[in-house]
Amino acid sequence: MTELMEVIDDNLNVLRIAPREEIMEKNLKHKGAIVIVKDSKNRFYLHQRKHTKKIYPLKWGIGAGGGVKAGESSYEAAKRELNEELGIEKDIKFLMNFSYKCNIDDYIAKIYIVVYDGKIKLDEEECEQGKWVSLDELKQFIQEGLLCPDTELFIKKYLKELIKK
């Protein structure tokens, strides 16, 4: 079944509905939803993207995330992605807005956070592997250029905001 998503403008106005494949192929602006997963020890859950992914194969992402389906809220999409990719069913908290545009991806996302200490059920069709990392290890991933470029940007923004508090 073809997944339909909303093509949007910079103000989140819906321009039209299009298949996910078209949005990705033509790099059309769309909505995204991302959930940063932390545990009570202040570790972050990272996953390595499958080697077969068109965008950022073998790069590391944080938590779960993806495109918002047509008619779905960002909150609903974030909860769906969290369950599909990591097997987590838990309330999430809104953290910040984030926009990303490059030659292969263009989206406006809402980023959420969840604190979770249970078992992770990693989607092996999406990911090569996953692991918990400390804040220092996360910073090392950034320094070594191992994260997806968009993940690196929103994590830096998150860490900067965290330091202000």
N, C-alpha and C. Protein backbone atom coordinates (compact mmCIF):
# COMPACT_ATOMS: atom_id res chain seq x y z
N MET A 1 0.84 -1.20 0.00
CA MET A 1 0.00 0.00 0.00
C MET A 1 0.88 1.25 0.00
N THR A 2 0.54 2.16 -0.85
CA THR A 2 1.29 3.40 -0.96
C THR A 2 1.00 4.31 0.22
N GLU A 3 2.06 4.80 0.84
CA GLU A 3 1.93 5.73 1.96
C GLU A 3 1.79 7.14 1.39
N LEU A 4 0.74 7.84 1.80
CA LEU A 4 0.51 9.21 1.33
C LEU A 4 0.94 10.20 2.39
N MET A 5 1.58 11.27 1.92
CA MET A 5 2.05 12.33 2.81
C MET A 5 1.65 13.68 2.25
N GLU A 6 1.73 14.71 3.09
CA GLU A 6 1.39 16.06 2.68
C GLU A 6 2.62 16.80 2.20
N VAL A 7 2.52 17.38 1.02
CA VAL A 7 3.55 18.30 0.53
C VAL A 7 3.18 19.66 1.11
N ILE A 8 4.15 20.30 1.77
CA ILE A 8 3.85 21.55 2.47
C ILE A 8 4.76 22.69 1.99
N ASP A 9 4.38 23.92 2.39
CA ASP A 9 5.27 25.07 2.14
C ASP A 9 5.99 25.41 3.46
N ASP A 10 6.75 26.47 3.46
CA ASP A 10 7.53 26.85 4.65
C ASP A 10 6.67 27.21 5.86
N ASN A 11 5.37 27.50 5.63
CA ASN A 11 4.46 27.86 6.71
C ASN A 11 3.55 26.71 7.12
N LEU A 12 3.92 25.49 6.70
CA LEU A 12 3.18 24.27 7.00
C LEU A 12 1.82 24.17 6.32
N ASN A 13 1.57 25.05 5.32
CA ASN A 13 0.34 24.93 4.55
C ASN A 13 0.45 23.71 3.65
N VAL A 14 -0.62 22.92 3.60
CA VAL A 14 -0.64 21.73 2.75
C VAL A 14 -0.90 22.16 1.31
N LEU A 15 0.02 21.82 0.42
CA LEU A 15 -0.12 22.16 -0.99
C LEU A 15 -0.84 21.06 -1.76
N ARG A 16 -0.54 19.81 -1.39
CA ARG A 16 -1.20 18.66 -2.00
C ARG A 16 -0.78 17.39 -1.27
N ILE A 17 -1.44 16.31 -1.60
CA ILE A 17 -1.12 14.99 -1.05
C ILE A 17 -0.36 14.24 -2.14
N ALA A 18 0.70 13.53 -1.75
CA ALA A 18 1.50 12.80 -2.73
C ALA A 18 2.02 11.50 -2.10
N PRO A 19 2.31 10.52 -2.95
CA PRO A 19 2.91 9.28 -2.43
C PRO A 19 4.30 9.57 -1.85
N ARG A 20 4.65 8.84 -0.81
CA ARG A 20 5.95 8.99 -0.15
C ARG A 20 7.10 8.89 -1.16
N GLU A 21 6.99 7.95 -2.10
CA GLU A 21 8.04 7.75 -3.09
C GLU A 21 8.29 9.02 -3.90
N GLU A 22 7.21 9.71 -4.29
CA GLU A 22 7.35 10.95 -5.07
C GLU A 22 8.00 12.05 -4.22
N ILE A 23 7.58 12.14 -2.97
CA ILE A 23 8.14 13.15 -2.07
C ILE A 23 9.64 12.95 -1.92
N MET A 24 10.06 11.70 -1.74
CA MET A 24 11.48 11.42 -1.57
C MET A 24 12.24 11.61 -2.89
N GLU A 25 11.67 11.12 -3.97
CA GLU A 25 12.33 11.20 -5.28
C GLU A 25 12.54 12.65 -5.74
N LYS A 26 11.53 13.50 -5.51
CA LYS A 26 11.58 14.90 -5.96
C LYS A 26 12.03 15.85 -4.85
N ASN A 27 12.35 15.30 -3.66
CA ASN A 27 12.79 16.10 -2.52
C ASN A 27 11.81 17.23 -2.20
N LEU A 28 10.54 16.86 -2.03
CA LEU A 28 9.50 17.82 -1.72
C LEU A 28 9.41 18.04 -0.20
N LYS A 29 9.11 19.27 0.19
CA LYS A 29 9.01 19.59 1.62
C LYS A 29 7.81 18.85 2.22
N HIS A 30 8.05 18.23 3.38
CA HIS A 30 7.02 17.46 4.07
C HIS A 30 7.20 17.58 5.57
N LYS A 31 6.26 17.01 6.33
CA LYS A 31 6.33 17.05 7.79
C LYS A 31 7.05 15.81 8.31
N GLY A 32 7.80 16.00 9.38
CA GLY A 32 8.47 14.88 10.03
C GLY A 32 8.18 14.89 11.52
N ALA A 33 8.45 13.75 12.15
CA ALA A 33 8.28 13.61 13.59
C ALA A 33 9.43 12.76 14.11
N ILE A 34 10.07 13.21 15.17
CA ILE A 34 11.26 12.55 15.71
C ILE A 34 11.11 12.43 17.23
N VAL A 35 11.54 11.28 17.76
CA VAL A 35 11.52 11.09 19.21
C VAL A 35 12.93 10.74 19.68
N ILE A 36 13.48 11.58 20.54
CA ILE A 36 14.76 11.29 21.19
C ILE A 36 14.44 10.36 22.36
N VAL A 37 15.15 9.24 22.42
CA VAL A 37 14.92 8.27 23.49
C VAL A 37 16.10 8.31 24.45
N LYS A 38 15.78 8.58 25.72
CA LYS A 38 16.79 8.58 26.78
C LYS A 38 16.34 7.59 27.84
N ASP A 39 17.28 7.15 28.65
CA ASP A 39 16.89 6.33 29.80
C ASP A 39 17.15 7.11 31.09
N SER A 40 16.81 6.52 32.22
CA SER A 40 16.94 7.23 33.50
C SER A 40 18.40 7.44 33.90
N LYS A 41 19.34 6.78 33.19
CA LYS A 41 20.77 6.98 33.44
C LYS A 41 21.34 8.08 32.54
N ASN A 42 20.43 8.79 31.84
CA ASN A 42 20.80 9.87 30.93
C ASN A 42 21.60 9.39 29.71
N ARG A 43 21.33 8.14 29.29
CA ARG A 43 21.93 7.63 28.06
C ARG A 43 20.94 7.82 26.92
N PHE A 44 21.46 7.90 25.71
CA PHE A 44 20.64 8.09 24.51
C PHE A 44 20.63 6.80 23.69
N TYR A 45 19.49 6.51 23.08
CA TYR A 45 19.43 5.31 22.24
C TYR A 45 19.70 5.71 20.79
N LEU A 46 20.74 5.12 20.22
CA LEU A 46 21.10 5.35 18.81
C LEU A 46 20.82 4.09 18.01
N HIS A 47 20.47 4.29 16.75
CA HIS A 47 20.31 3.15 15.83
C HIS A 47 21.10 3.44 14.55
N GLN A 48 21.64 2.39 13.97
CA GLN A 48 22.38 2.53 12.71
C GLN A 48 21.44 2.16 11.57
N ARG A 49 21.32 3.08 10.62
CA ARG A 49 20.41 2.87 9.49
C ARG A 49 20.88 1.68 8.63
N LYS A 50 19.91 0.98 8.08
CA LYS A 50 20.19 -0.19 7.24
C LYS A 50 21.07 0.22 6.05
N HIS A 51 21.95 -0.66 5.65
CA HIS A 51 22.87 -0.39 4.53
C HIS A 51 22.11 -0.21 3.21
N THR A 52 20.87 -0.66 3.15
CA THR A 52 20.06 -0.56 1.92
C THR A 52 19.27 0.75 1.83
N LYS A 53 19.33 1.59 2.86
CA LYS A 53 18.58 2.85 2.85
C LYS A 53 19.13 3.78 1.77
N LYS A 54 18.22 4.48 1.07
CA LYS A 54 18.63 5.44 0.04
C LYS A 54 19.29 6.66 0.66
N ILE A 55 18.76 7.09 1.79
CA ILE A 55 19.28 8.28 2.46
C ILE A 55 20.09 7.85 3.68
N TYR A 56 21.32 8.29 3.73
CA TYR A 56 22.24 8.07 4.85
C TYR A 56 22.39 6.60 5.29
N PRO A 57 22.68 5.69 4.35
CA PRO A 57 22.89 4.30 4.76
C PRO A 57 24.06 4.20 5.73
N LEU A 58 23.89 3.35 6.74
CA LEU A 58 24.89 3.05 7.78
C LEU A 58 25.22 4.22 8.72
N LYS A 59 24.57 5.36 8.52
CA LYS A 59 24.75 6.47 9.47
C LYS A 59 23.87 6.19 10.70
N TRP A 60 24.19 6.86 11.78
CA TRP A 60 23.46 6.66 13.03
C TRP A 60 22.42 7.75 13.24
N GLY A 61 21.26 7.36 13.71
CA GLY A 61 20.20 8.28 14.09
C GLY A 61 19.91 8.10 15.57
N ILE A 62 19.07 8.95 16.10
CA ILE A 62 18.74 8.85 17.52
C ILE A 62 17.27 8.52 17.67
N GLY A 63 16.95 7.60 18.55
CA GLY A 63 15.56 7.28 18.83
C GLY A 63 14.83 6.77 17.61
N ALA A 64 13.72 7.42 17.29
CA ALA A 64 12.87 6.99 16.17
C ALA A 64 12.33 8.21 15.46
N GLY A 65 11.93 8.03 14.22
CA GLY A 65 11.34 9.15 13.50
C GLY A 65 11.03 8.79 12.07
N GLY A 66 10.31 9.70 11.44
CA GLY A 66 9.96 9.49 10.05
C GLY A 66 8.97 10.53 9.58
N GLY A 67 8.41 10.27 8.41
CA GLY A 67 7.45 11.19 7.80
C GLY A 67 6.07 11.09 8.44
N VAL A 68 5.37 12.21 8.43
CA VAL A 68 4.00 12.27 8.93
C VAL A 68 3.07 11.93 7.77
N LYS A 69 2.20 10.96 7.98
CA LYS A 69 1.25 10.55 6.94
C LYS A 69 0.17 11.63 6.78
N ALA A 70 -0.44 11.67 5.61
CA ALA A 70 -1.52 12.62 5.34
C ALA A 70 -2.64 12.43 6.37
N GLY A 71 -3.07 13.53 6.97
CA GLY A 71 -4.14 13.50 7.96
C GLY A 71 -3.71 13.11 9.36
N GLU A 72 -2.44 12.82 9.54
CA GLU A 72 -1.92 12.40 10.84
C GLU A 72 -1.26 13.61 11.51
N SER A 73 -1.36 13.72 12.82
CA SER A 73 -0.66 14.80 13.53
C SER A 73 0.79 14.38 13.74
N SER A 74 1.65 15.34 14.01
CA SER A 74 3.05 15.04 14.29
C SER A 74 3.17 14.17 15.53
N TYR A 75 2.33 14.45 16.53
CA TYR A 75 2.34 13.66 17.76
C TYR A 75 1.99 12.20 17.46
N GLU A 76 0.93 12.00 16.67
CA GLU A 76 0.52 10.63 16.31
C GLU A 76 1.62 9.93 15.53
N ALA A 77 2.25 10.65 14.61
CA ALA A 77 3.34 10.07 13.81
C ALA A 77 4.52 9.69 14.69
N ALA A 78 4.87 10.55 15.63
CA ALA A 78 5.99 10.27 16.52
C ALA A 78 5.72 9.03 17.36
N LYS A 79 4.51 8.91 17.90
CA LYS A 79 4.15 7.73 18.71
C LYS A 79 4.15 6.47 17.83
N ARG A 80 3.65 6.57 16.60
CA ARG A 80 3.63 5.44 15.67
C ARG A 80 5.04 4.99 15.34
N GLU A 81 5.91 5.94 15.00
CA GLU A 81 7.30 5.61 14.65
C GLU A 81 8.03 4.98 15.84
N LEU A 82 7.80 5.51 17.02
CA LEU A 82 8.42 4.99 18.23
C LEU A 82 8.05 3.52 18.45
N ASN A 83 6.78 3.22 18.20
CA ASN A 83 6.31 1.85 18.37
C ASN A 83 6.82 0.94 17.24
N GLU A 84 6.73 1.41 16.00
CA GLU A 84 7.16 0.61 14.85
C GLU A 84 8.67 0.32 14.88
N GLU A 85 9.47 1.33 15.17
CA GLU A 85 10.92 1.19 15.06
C GLU A 85 11.59 0.61 16.31
N LEU A 86 11.00 0.90 17.49
CA LEU A 86 11.67 0.48 18.73
C LEU A 86 10.78 -0.34 19.67
N GLY A 87 9.51 -0.51 19.30
CA GLY A 87 8.61 -1.29 20.14
C GLY A 87 8.23 -0.61 21.45
N ILE A 88 8.31 0.72 21.47
CA ILE A 88 8.00 1.48 22.69
C ILE A 88 6.62 2.10 22.57
N GLU A 89 5.78 1.85 23.59
CA GLU A 89 4.47 2.50 23.68
C GLU A 89 4.45 3.29 24.98
N LYS A 90 4.71 4.57 24.87
CA LYS A 90 4.80 5.42 26.06
C LYS A 90 4.49 6.86 25.66
N ASP A 91 4.01 7.65 26.62
CA ASP A 91 3.76 9.06 26.34
C ASP A 91 5.06 9.78 26.03
N ILE A 92 4.98 10.74 25.14
CA ILE A 92 6.14 11.52 24.73
C ILE A 92 5.87 12.98 25.04
N LYS A 93 6.95 13.75 25.14
CA LYS A 93 6.83 15.17 25.48
C LYS A 93 7.44 16.00 24.34
N PHE A 94 6.72 17.05 23.90
CA PHE A 94 7.23 17.94 22.86
C PHE A 94 8.48 18.65 23.36
N LEU A 95 9.48 18.73 22.48
CA LEU A 95 10.75 19.34 22.85
C LEU A 95 11.00 20.62 22.05
N MET A 96 10.92 20.51 20.70
CA MET A 96 11.24 21.69 19.87
C MET A 96 10.83 21.44 18.42
N ASN A 97 10.79 22.52 17.66
CA ASN A 97 10.58 22.45 16.22
C ASN A 97 11.95 22.40 15.54
N PHE A 98 11.98 21.81 14.36
CA PHE A 98 13.24 21.67 13.64
C PHE A 98 12.97 21.62 12.14
N SER A 99 13.74 22.38 11.38
CA SER A 99 13.63 22.36 9.91
C SER A 99 14.95 21.87 9.33
N TYR A 100 14.85 21.11 8.27
CA TYR A 100 16.05 20.59 7.62
C TYR A 100 15.84 20.56 6.11
N LYS A 101 16.86 21.04 5.39
CA LYS A 101 16.79 21.02 3.93
C LYS A 101 18.18 20.78 3.38
N CYS A 102 18.28 19.82 2.48
CA CYS A 102 19.52 19.57 1.76
C CYS A 102 19.14 19.03 0.38
N ASN A 103 20.10 18.58 -0.38
CA ASN A 103 19.80 18.14 -1.75
C ASN A 103 19.04 16.82 -1.81
N ILE A 104 18.90 16.11 -0.66
CA ILE A 104 18.17 14.84 -0.69
C ILE A 104 17.03 14.76 0.32
N ASP A 105 16.83 15.79 1.12
CA ASP A 105 15.77 15.75 2.12
C ASP A 105 15.33 17.18 2.45
N ASP A 106 14.03 17.35 2.69
CA ASP A 106 13.47 18.67 2.99
C ASP A 106 12.25 18.47 3.87
N TYR A 107 12.37 18.80 5.15
CA TYR A 107 11.23 18.60 6.05
C TYR A 107 11.21 19.61 7.18
N ILE A 108 10.03 19.73 7.77
CA ILE A 108 9.82 20.49 9.00
C ILE A 108 9.29 19.49 10.01
N ALA A 109 9.98 19.38 11.15
CA ALA A 109 9.62 18.35 12.12
C ALA A 109 9.33 18.92 13.50
N LYS A 110 8.58 18.16 14.22
CA LYS A 110 8.41 18.37 15.66
C LYS A 110 9.25 17.28 16.31
N ILE A 111 10.05 17.68 17.29
CA ILE A 111 10.92 16.73 17.99
C ILE A 111 10.38 16.55 19.41
N TYR A 112 10.25 15.29 19.78
CA TYR A 112 9.74 14.91 21.10
C TYR A 112 10.84 14.17 21.85
N ILE A 113 10.59 13.92 23.13
CA ILE A 113 11.52 13.15 23.94
C ILE A 113 10.73 12.19 24.82
N VAL A 114 11.35 11.05 25.11
CA VAL A 114 10.76 10.09 26.01
C VAL A 114 11.87 9.50 26.87
N VAL A 115 11.57 9.29 28.14
CA VAL A 115 12.50 8.59 29.03
C VAL A 115 11.96 7.17 29.16
N TYR A 116 12.81 6.20 28.82
CA TYR A 116 12.36 4.80 28.74
C TYR A 116 13.46 3.87 29.22
N ASP A 117 13.12 2.97 30.12
CA ASP A 117 14.10 2.04 30.67
C ASP A 117 13.80 0.58 30.30
N GLY A 118 12.83 0.36 29.47
CA GLY A 118 12.44 -1.01 29.13
C GLY A 118 13.27 -1.60 27.99
N LYS A 119 12.80 -2.72 27.51
CA LYS A 119 13.48 -3.44 26.43
C LYS A 119 13.16 -2.77 25.08
N ILE A 120 14.17 -2.65 24.24
CA ILE A 120 14.01 -2.10 22.89
C ILE A 120 13.82 -3.26 21.92
N LYS A 121 12.81 -3.12 21.06
CA LYS A 121 12.57 -4.12 20.02
C LYS A 121 12.87 -3.45 18.67
N LEU A 122 14.13 -3.46 18.29
CA LEU A 122 14.60 -2.75 17.10
C LEU A 122 14.03 -3.34 15.82
N ASP A 123 13.53 -2.48 14.93
CA ASP A 123 13.03 -2.92 13.62
C ASP A 123 14.22 -3.26 12.74
N GLU A 124 14.46 -4.54 12.53
CA GLU A 124 15.63 -4.99 11.79
C GLU A 124 15.53 -4.74 10.28
N GLU A 125 14.33 -4.40 9.79
CA GLU A 125 14.20 -4.04 8.38
C GLU A 125 14.67 -2.61 8.14
N GLU A 126 14.65 -1.80 9.20
CA GLU A 126 15.04 -0.39 9.12
C GLU A 126 16.48 -0.16 9.59
N CYS A 127 16.92 -1.00 10.54
CA CYS A 127 18.18 -0.72 11.23
C CYS A 127 19.13 -1.92 11.25
N GLU A 128 20.41 -1.62 11.20
CA GLU A 128 21.46 -2.64 11.32
C GLU A 128 21.63 -3.05 12.78
N GLN A 129 21.67 -2.03 13.65
CA GLN A 129 21.89 -2.27 15.08
C GLN A 129 21.48 -1.04 15.86
N GLY A 130 21.41 -1.21 17.18
CA GLY A 130 21.10 -0.10 18.06
C GLY A 130 21.86 -0.25 19.36
N LYS A 131 22.06 0.88 20.05
CA LYS A 131 22.75 0.81 21.34
C LYS A 131 22.53 2.08 22.14
N TRP A 132 22.70 1.94 23.48
CA TRP A 132 22.64 3.06 24.39
C TRP A 132 24.02 3.69 24.48
N VAL A 133 24.07 5.02 24.46
CA VAL A 133 25.35 5.72 24.59
C VAL A 133 25.22 6.85 25.62
N SER A 134 26.32 7.13 26.28
CA SER A 134 26.36 8.24 27.24
C SER A 134 26.42 9.56 26.47
N LEU A 135 26.27 10.66 27.18
CA LEU A 135 26.37 11.98 26.57
C LEU A 135 27.75 12.16 25.94
N ASP A 136 28.79 11.74 26.64
CA ASP A 136 30.16 11.86 26.10
C ASP A 136 30.32 11.01 24.83
N GLU A 137 29.75 9.81 24.83
CA GLU A 137 29.82 8.96 23.63
C GLU A 137 29.04 9.58 22.48
N LEU A 138 27.90 10.21 22.79
CA LEU A 138 27.11 10.88 21.77
C LEU A 138 27.92 12.02 21.15
N LYS A 139 28.60 12.78 21.97
CA LYS A 139 29.46 13.87 21.47
C LYS A 139 30.58 13.31 20.60
N GLN A 140 31.07 12.13 20.94
CA GLN A 140 32.11 11.47 20.14
C GLN A 140 31.56 11.08 18.76
N PHE A 141 30.31 10.58 18.72
CA PHE A 141 29.66 10.24 17.45
C PHE A 141 29.58 11.49 16.57
N ILE A 142 29.27 12.63 17.19
CA ILE A 142 29.19 13.90 16.45
C ILE A 142 30.57 14.26 15.90
N GLN A 143 31.59 14.22 16.75
CA GLN A 143 32.96 14.57 16.33
C GLN A 143 33.45 13.69 15.19
N GLU A 144 33.08 12.42 15.22
CA GLU A 144 33.56 11.48 14.20
C GLU A 144 32.70 11.47 12.94
N GLY A 145 31.64 12.29 12.92
CA GLY A 145 30.78 12.36 11.73
C GLY A 145 29.98 11.10 11.47
N LEU A 146 29.61 10.39 12.52
CA LEU A 146 28.89 9.13 12.38
C LEU A 146 27.37 9.29 12.32
N LEU A 147 26.86 10.44 12.77
CA LEU A 147 25.42 10.66 12.78
C LEU A 147 24.92 11.12 11.42
N CYS A 148 23.64 10.87 11.14
CA CYS A 148 23.00 11.46 9.96
C CYS A 148 23.15 12.97 10.11
N PRO A 149 23.35 13.70 9.01
CA PRO A 149 23.55 15.16 9.12
C PRO A 149 22.42 15.89 9.83
N ASP A 150 21.16 15.50 9.56
CA ASP A 150 20.05 16.17 10.23
C ASP A 150 20.03 15.84 11.72
N THR A 151 20.32 14.58 12.06
CA THR A 151 20.39 14.19 13.47
C THR A 151 21.44 15.01 14.20
N GLU A 152 22.58 15.16 13.58
CA GLU A 152 23.66 15.94 14.19
C GLU A 152 23.20 17.36 14.49
N LEU A 153 22.49 17.97 13.55
CA LEU A 153 22.03 19.36 13.74
C LEU A 153 21.02 19.48 14.88
N PHE A 154 20.01 18.60 14.91
CA PHE A 154 19.02 18.77 15.97
C PHE A 154 19.55 18.34 17.33
N ILE A 155 20.51 17.42 17.37
CA ILE A 155 21.12 17.04 18.65
C ILE A 155 21.97 18.20 19.17
N LYS A 156 22.70 18.87 18.28
CA LYS A 156 23.48 20.03 18.71
C LYS A 156 22.56 21.12 19.25
N LYS A 157 21.42 21.34 18.58
CA LYS A 157 20.44 22.33 19.03
C LYS A 157 19.88 21.92 20.39
N TYR A 158 19.55 20.67 20.54
CA TYR A 158 19.03 20.14 21.82
C TYR A 158 20.06 20.33 22.93
N LEU A 159 21.29 19.95 22.69
CA LEU A 159 22.34 20.07 23.71
C LEU A 159 22.59 21.53 24.09
N LYS A 160 22.54 22.42 23.10
CA LYS A 160 22.72 23.85 23.35
C LYS A 160 21.59 24.39 24.24
N GLU A 161 20.34 23.98 23.94
CA GLU A 161 19.20 24.41 24.73
C GLU A 161 19.28 23.85 26.15
N LEU A 162 19.76 22.63 26.27
CA LEU A 162 19.90 21.96 27.56
C LEU A 162 20.88 22.72 28.46
N ILE A 163 21.95 23.19 27.85
CA ILE A 163 23.00 23.91 28.59
C ILE A 163 22.47 25.25 29.11
N LYS A 164 21.55 25.87 28.35
CA LYS A 164 20.99 27.17 28.77
C LYS A 164 20.17 27.05 30.05
N LYS A 165 19.58 25.87 30.26
CA LYS A 165 18.66 25.67 31.41
C LYS A 165 19.41 25.45 32.70
